[in-house]
Amino acid sequence: MNREFWQHQWDRLYKRMTPFFDLTAWVLLLLALIPLLIIDRPMLFTLLQWSAFGLALAANSVVVCRLLLPQVDLTEWIEAARGGSLSAAVVVFGVCFLLASLFVGLVLWAKA
């Protein structure tokens, strides 16, 4: 594969990983988890397990959504919707609704 392809993939990965390095989010998370560690350690472990489980279900939802709609590049549709295109806004809403429905369905299925 060519260098531009890998550079594009790296840029996409970097853009998706930068929220994990936001200091504000980590401070809020630590302020919430440290007292819970002192007060109720089993509840902390349960919270961490459910958070990891939620992330796994969200990842599954994204994968299934991309399998169902491989031709839809959401970034282009979002740009068109911001430009005022009503049809692009409907497509963005539809994809977001599908993603949310898949996530809720997986959560309800996993809880059963």
Protein backbone atom coordinates (compact mmCIF):
# COMPACT_ATOMS: atom_id res chain seq x y z
CA MET A 1 0.00 0.00 0.00
CA ASN A 2 1.15 3.50 -0.59
CA ARG A 3 2.42 6.00 1.92
CA GLU A 4 -0.58 8.36 1.61
CA PHE A 5 -2.96 5.57 2.58
CA TRP A 6 -1.04 4.77 5.76
CA GLN A 7 -0.66 8.45 6.60
CA HIS A 8 -4.43 8.87 6.25
CA GLN A 9 -5.03 5.84 8.49
CA TRP A 10 -2.59 7.18 11.09
CA ASP A 11 -4.30 10.59 11.05
CA ARG A 12 -7.69 8.95 11.58
CA LEU A 13 -6.37 6.87 14.46
CA TYR A 14 -4.70 9.89 16.05
CA LYS A 15 -7.91 11.92 15.81
CA ARG A 16 -9.86 9.13 17.50
CA MET A 17 -7.28 8.59 20.27
CA THR A 18 -6.77 12.22 21.33
CA PRO A 19 -9.87 12.32 23.61
CA PHE A 20 -8.25 9.65 25.79
CA PHE A 21 -5.45 12.08 26.61
CA ASP A 22 -7.66 14.99 27.67
CA LEU A 23 -6.49 16.08 31.12
CA THR A 24 -9.88 17.48 32.14
CA ALA A 25 -11.60 14.13 31.66
CA TRP A 26 -8.91 12.28 33.61
CA VAL A 27 -9.12 14.73 36.53
CA LEU A 28 -12.91 14.33 36.70
CA LEU A 29 -12.57 10.56 36.48
CA LEU A 30 -10.00 10.43 39.26
CA LEU A 31 -12.06 12.75 41.46
CA ALA A 32 -14.97 10.34 41.10
CA LEU A 33 -13.04 7.07 41.41
CA ILE A 34 -10.66 7.79 44.30
CA PRO A 35 -13.42 8.26 46.92
CA LEU A 36 -15.17 5.20 45.54
CA LEU A 37 -11.91 3.24 45.92
CA ILE A 38 -11.77 4.22 49.58
CA ILE A 39 -15.46 3.77 50.38
CA ASP A 40 -16.65 0.82 48.30
CA ARG A 41 -14.01 -1.14 46.41
CA PRO A 42 -16.35 -3.85 45.00
CA MET A 43 -18.60 -1.12 43.55
CA LEU A 44 -15.55 0.44 41.88
CA PHE A 45 -14.66 -2.88 40.24
CA THR A 46 -18.25 -3.33 39.12
CA LEU A 47 -18.26 0.17 37.62
CA LEU A 48 -15.01 -0.50 35.77
CA GLN A 49 -16.30 -3.83 34.46
CA TRP A 50 -19.53 -2.28 33.21
CA SER A 51 -17.63 0.59 31.61
CA ALA A 52 -15.37 -1.85 29.76
CA PHE A 53 -18.43 -3.88 28.77
CA GLY A 54 -20.16 -0.74 27.49
CA LEU A 55 -17.12 0.16 25.39
CA ALA A 56 -17.06 -3.35 23.92
CA LEU A 57 -20.76 -3.12 23.05
CA ALA A 58 -20.25 0.31 21.49
CA ALA A 59 -17.38 -1.06 19.40
CA ASN A 60 -19.57 -3.95 18.27
CA SER A 61 -22.30 -1.49 17.30
CA VAL A 62 -19.89 0.52 15.19
CA VAL A 63 -18.57 -2.60 13.45
CA VAL A 64 -22.08 -3.87 12.65
CA CYS A 65 -23.12 -0.42 11.43
CA ARG A 66 -20.10 -0.29 9.11
CA LEU A 67 -20.85 -3.80 7.86
CA LEU A 68 -24.44 -2.82 7.09
CA LEU A 69 -23.57 0.54 5.52
CA PRO A 70 -20.05 0.25 4.07
CA GLN A 71 -20.69 2.84 1.36
CA VAL A 72 -21.72 5.63 3.75
CA ASP A 73 -18.86 7.97 4.64
CA LEU A 74 -20.38 9.91 7.50
CA THR A 75 -17.81 12.73 7.46
CA GLU A 76 -18.88 13.80 3.97
CA TRP A 77 -22.57 13.66 4.91
CA ILE A 78 -21.98 15.70 8.05
CA GLU A 79 -20.15 18.38 6.07
CA ALA A 80 -23.01 18.50 3.57
CA ALA A 81 -25.56 18.70 6.39
CA ARG A 82 -23.67 21.59 7.96
CA GLY A 83 -23.82 23.27 4.58
CA GLY A 84 -27.62 23.19 4.74
CA SER A 85 -28.52 20.03 2.85
CA LEU A 86 -31.66 18.54 4.34
CA SER A 87 -31.18 15.17 2.63
CA ALA A 88 -27.67 14.90 4.08
CA ALA A 89 -29.07 15.69 7.53
CA VAL A 90 -31.62 12.89 7.12
CA VAL A 91 -28.83 10.45 6.19
CA VAL A 92 -26.77 11.51 9.22
CA PHE A 93 -29.81 11.13 11.47
CA GLY A 94 -30.55 7.69 10.00
CA VAL A 95 -27.02 6.41 10.57
CA CYS A 96 -26.96 7.81 14.11
CA PHE A 97 -30.37 6.27 14.82
CA LEU A 98 -29.18 2.90 13.49
CA LEU A 99 -26.04 3.08 15.61
CA ALA A 100 -28.01 4.00 18.74
CA SER A 101 -30.57 1.26 18.08
CA LEU A 102 -27.82 -1.33 17.64
CA PHE A 103 -26.16 -0.22 20.88
CA VAL A 104 -29.40 -0.29 22.88
CA GLY A 105 -30.31 -3.64 21.35
CA LEU A 106 -26.94 -5.12 22.28
CA VAL A 107 -27.18 -3.75 25.82
CA LEU A 108 -30.65 -5.17 26.30
CA TRP A 109 -29.61 -8.49 24.77
CA ALA A 110 -26.52 -8.67 27.00
CA LYS A 111 -28.53 -7.85 30.10
CA ALA A 112 -31.07 -10.61 29.43
